[in-house]
Amino acid sequence: MSDTGMTYEASLRRLQQIVGELEGDRLPLAEALALFEEGVGRLRDAAGALQETEARVMQLIEQADGSLSLGETRG
């Protein structure tokens, strides 16, 4: 969960909504700026969640000798 209490998936959904609103009809400048600011926050939350997940995966796949095995995680 992010600082805003939204999951990664919820943050992405909200980002998609924000992009749609910004690409749609003309918005008043103040409203567009507020949406942009929210979008930046959601993007930071999502990026942070990905970094945390990557760190957890790295810990889980660490071998007994301290080496990492990344081959199995690539798609």
C-alpha atoms as a PDB file:
ATOM      1  CA  MET A   1       0.000   0.000   0.000  1.00  0.00           C
ATOM      2  CA  SER A   2       1.121   3.507  -0.705  1.00  0.00           C
ATOM      3  CA  ASP A   3       1.099   6.552   1.554  1.00  0.00           C
ATOM      4  CA  THR A   4      -2.359   7.359   0.195  1.00  0.00           C
ATOM      5  CA  GLY A   5      -3.707   3.934   1.124  1.00  0.00           C
ATOM      6  CA  MET A   6      -4.213   2.950  -2.509  1.00  0.00           C
ATOM      7  CA  THR A   7      -2.914  -0.296  -3.919  1.00  0.00           C
ATOM      8  CA  TYR A   8      -0.612  -0.309  -6.931  1.00  0.00           C
ATOM      9  CA  GLU A   9      -3.500  -1.374  -9.143  1.00  0.00           C
ATOM     10  CA  ALA A  10      -5.803   1.329  -7.783  1.00  0.00           C
ATOM     11  CA  SER A  11      -3.118   3.955  -8.366  1.00  0.00           C
ATOM     12  CA  LEU A  12      -2.763   2.830 -11.990  1.00  0.00           C
ATOM     13  CA  ARG A  13      -6.533   2.931 -12.520  1.00  0.00           C
ATOM     14  CA  ARG A  14      -6.687   6.449 -11.092  1.00  0.00           C
ATOM     15  CA  LEU A  15      -3.764   7.504 -13.290  1.00  0.00           C
ATOM     16  CA  GLN A  16      -5.673   6.267 -16.341  1.00  0.00           C
ATOM     17  CA  GLN A  17      -8.710   8.278 -15.265  1.00  0.00           C
ATOM     18  CA  ILE A  18      -6.591  11.390 -14.780  1.00  0.00           C
ATOM     19  CA  VAL A  19      -4.986  11.033 -18.206  1.00  0.00           C
ATOM     20  CA  GLY A  20      -8.420  10.626 -19.762  1.00  0.00           C
ATOM     21  CA  GLU A  21      -9.690  13.764 -18.058  1.00  0.00           C
ATOM     22  CA  LEU A  22      -6.636  15.761 -19.073  1.00  0.00           C
ATOM     23  CA  GLU A  23      -6.895  14.571 -22.683  1.00  0.00           C
ATOM     24  CA  GLY A  24     -10.622  15.253 -22.851  1.00  0.00           C
ATOM     25  CA  ASP A  25     -12.481  18.522 -23.059  1.00  0.00           C
ATOM     26  CA  ARG A  26     -10.799  21.675 -21.977  1.00  0.00           C
ATOM     27  CA  LEU A  27     -10.502  21.976 -18.237  1.00  0.00           C
ATOM     28  CA  PRO A  28     -10.023  25.160 -16.288  1.00  0.00           C
ATOM     29  CA  LEU A  29      -6.314  25.662 -15.648  1.00  0.00           C
ATOM     30  CA  ALA A  30      -6.650  25.263 -11.885  1.00  0.00           C
ATOM     31  CA  GLU A  31      -8.484  21.947 -12.269  1.00  0.00           C
ATOM     32  CA  ALA A  32      -5.981  20.664 -14.832  1.00  0.00           C
ATOM     33  CA  LEU A  33      -3.108  21.572 -12.537  1.00  0.00           C
ATOM     34  CA  ALA A  34      -4.763  19.831  -9.582  1.00  0.00           C
ATOM     35  CA  LEU A  35      -5.263  16.680 -11.667  1.00  0.00           C
ATOM     36  CA  PHE A  36      -1.670  16.830 -12.878  1.00  0.00           C
ATOM     37  CA  GLU A  37      -0.410  17.149  -9.297  1.00  0.00           C
ATOM     38  CA  GLU A  38      -2.538  14.203  -8.221  1.00  0.00           C
ATOM     39  CA  GLY A  39      -1.229  12.210 -11.171  1.00  0.00           C
ATOM     40  CA  VAL A  40       2.373  12.898 -10.198  1.00  0.00           C
ATOM     41  CA  GLY A  41       1.589  11.694  -6.675  1.00  0.00           C
ATOM     42  CA  ARG A  42      -0.071   8.518  -7.954  1.00  0.00           C
ATOM     43  CA  LEU A  43       2.881   7.872 -10.257  1.00  0.00           C
ATOM     44  CA  ARG A  44       5.319   8.253  -7.374  1.00  0.00           C
ATOM     45  CA  ASP A  45       3.215   5.902  -5.249  1.00  0.00           C
ATOM     46  CA  ALA A  46       3.148   3.282  -8.010  1.00  0.00           C
ATOM     47  CA  ALA A  47       6.897   3.581  -8.643  1.00  0.00           C
ATOM     48  CA  GLY A  48       7.570   3.236  -4.922  1.00  0.00           C
ATOM     49  CA  ALA A  49       5.393   0.135  -4.737  1.00  0.00           C
ATOM     50  CA  LEU A  50       7.315  -1.400  -7.632  1.00  0.00           C
ATOM     51  CA  GLN A  51      10.638  -0.649  -5.944  1.00  0.00           C
ATOM     52  CA  GLU A  52       9.456  -2.209  -2.693  1.00  0.00           C
ATOM     53  CA  THR A  53       8.239  -5.296  -4.524  1.00  0.00           C
ATOM     54  CA  GLU A  54      11.500  -5.627  -6.420  1.00  0.00           C
ATOM     55  CA  ALA A  55      13.441  -5.427  -3.145  1.00  0.00           C
ATOM     56  CA  ARG A  56      11.260  -8.137  -1.614  1.00  0.00           C
ATOM     57  CA  VAL A  57      11.733 -10.382  -4.644  1.00  0.00           C
ATOM     58  CA  MET A  58      15.508  -9.896  -4.454  1.00  0.00           C
ATOM     59  CA  GLN A  59      15.467 -10.963  -0.802  1.00  0.00           C
ATOM     60  CA  LEU A  60      13.358 -14.015  -1.538  1.00  0.00           C
ATOM     61  CA  ILE A  61      15.604 -15.293  -4.310  1.00  0.00           C
ATOM     62  CA  GLU A  62      18.898 -14.737  -2.529  1.00  0.00           C
ATOM     63  CA  GLN A  63      20.851 -17.984  -2.362  1.00  0.00           C
ATOM     64  CA  ALA A  64      22.400 -19.432   0.771  1.00  0.00           C
ATOM     65  CA  ASP A  65      25.879 -18.274  -0.326  1.00  0.00           C
ATOM     66  CA  GLY A  66      24.631 -14.711  -0.777  1.00  0.00           C
ATOM     67  CA  SER A  67      24.485 -14.824  -4.578  1.00  0.00           C
ATOM     68  CA  LEU A  68      21.300 -13.903  -6.380  1.00  0.00           C
ATOM     69  CA  SER A  69      19.431 -16.046  -8.846  1.00  0.00           C
ATOM     70  CA  LEU A  70      17.471 -13.820 -11.215  1.00  0.00           C
ATOM     71  CA  GLY A  71      17.043 -16.190 -14.131  1.00  0.00           C
ATOM     72  CA  GLU A  72      13.714 -17.575 -12.947  1.00  0.00           C
ATOM     73  CA  THR A  73      12.088 -14.168 -12.490  1.00  0.00           C
ATOM     74  CA  ARG A  74      12.448 -12.981 -16.070  1.00  0.00           C
ATOM     75  CA  GLY A  75       9.481 -13.454 -18.362  1.00  0.00           C
END
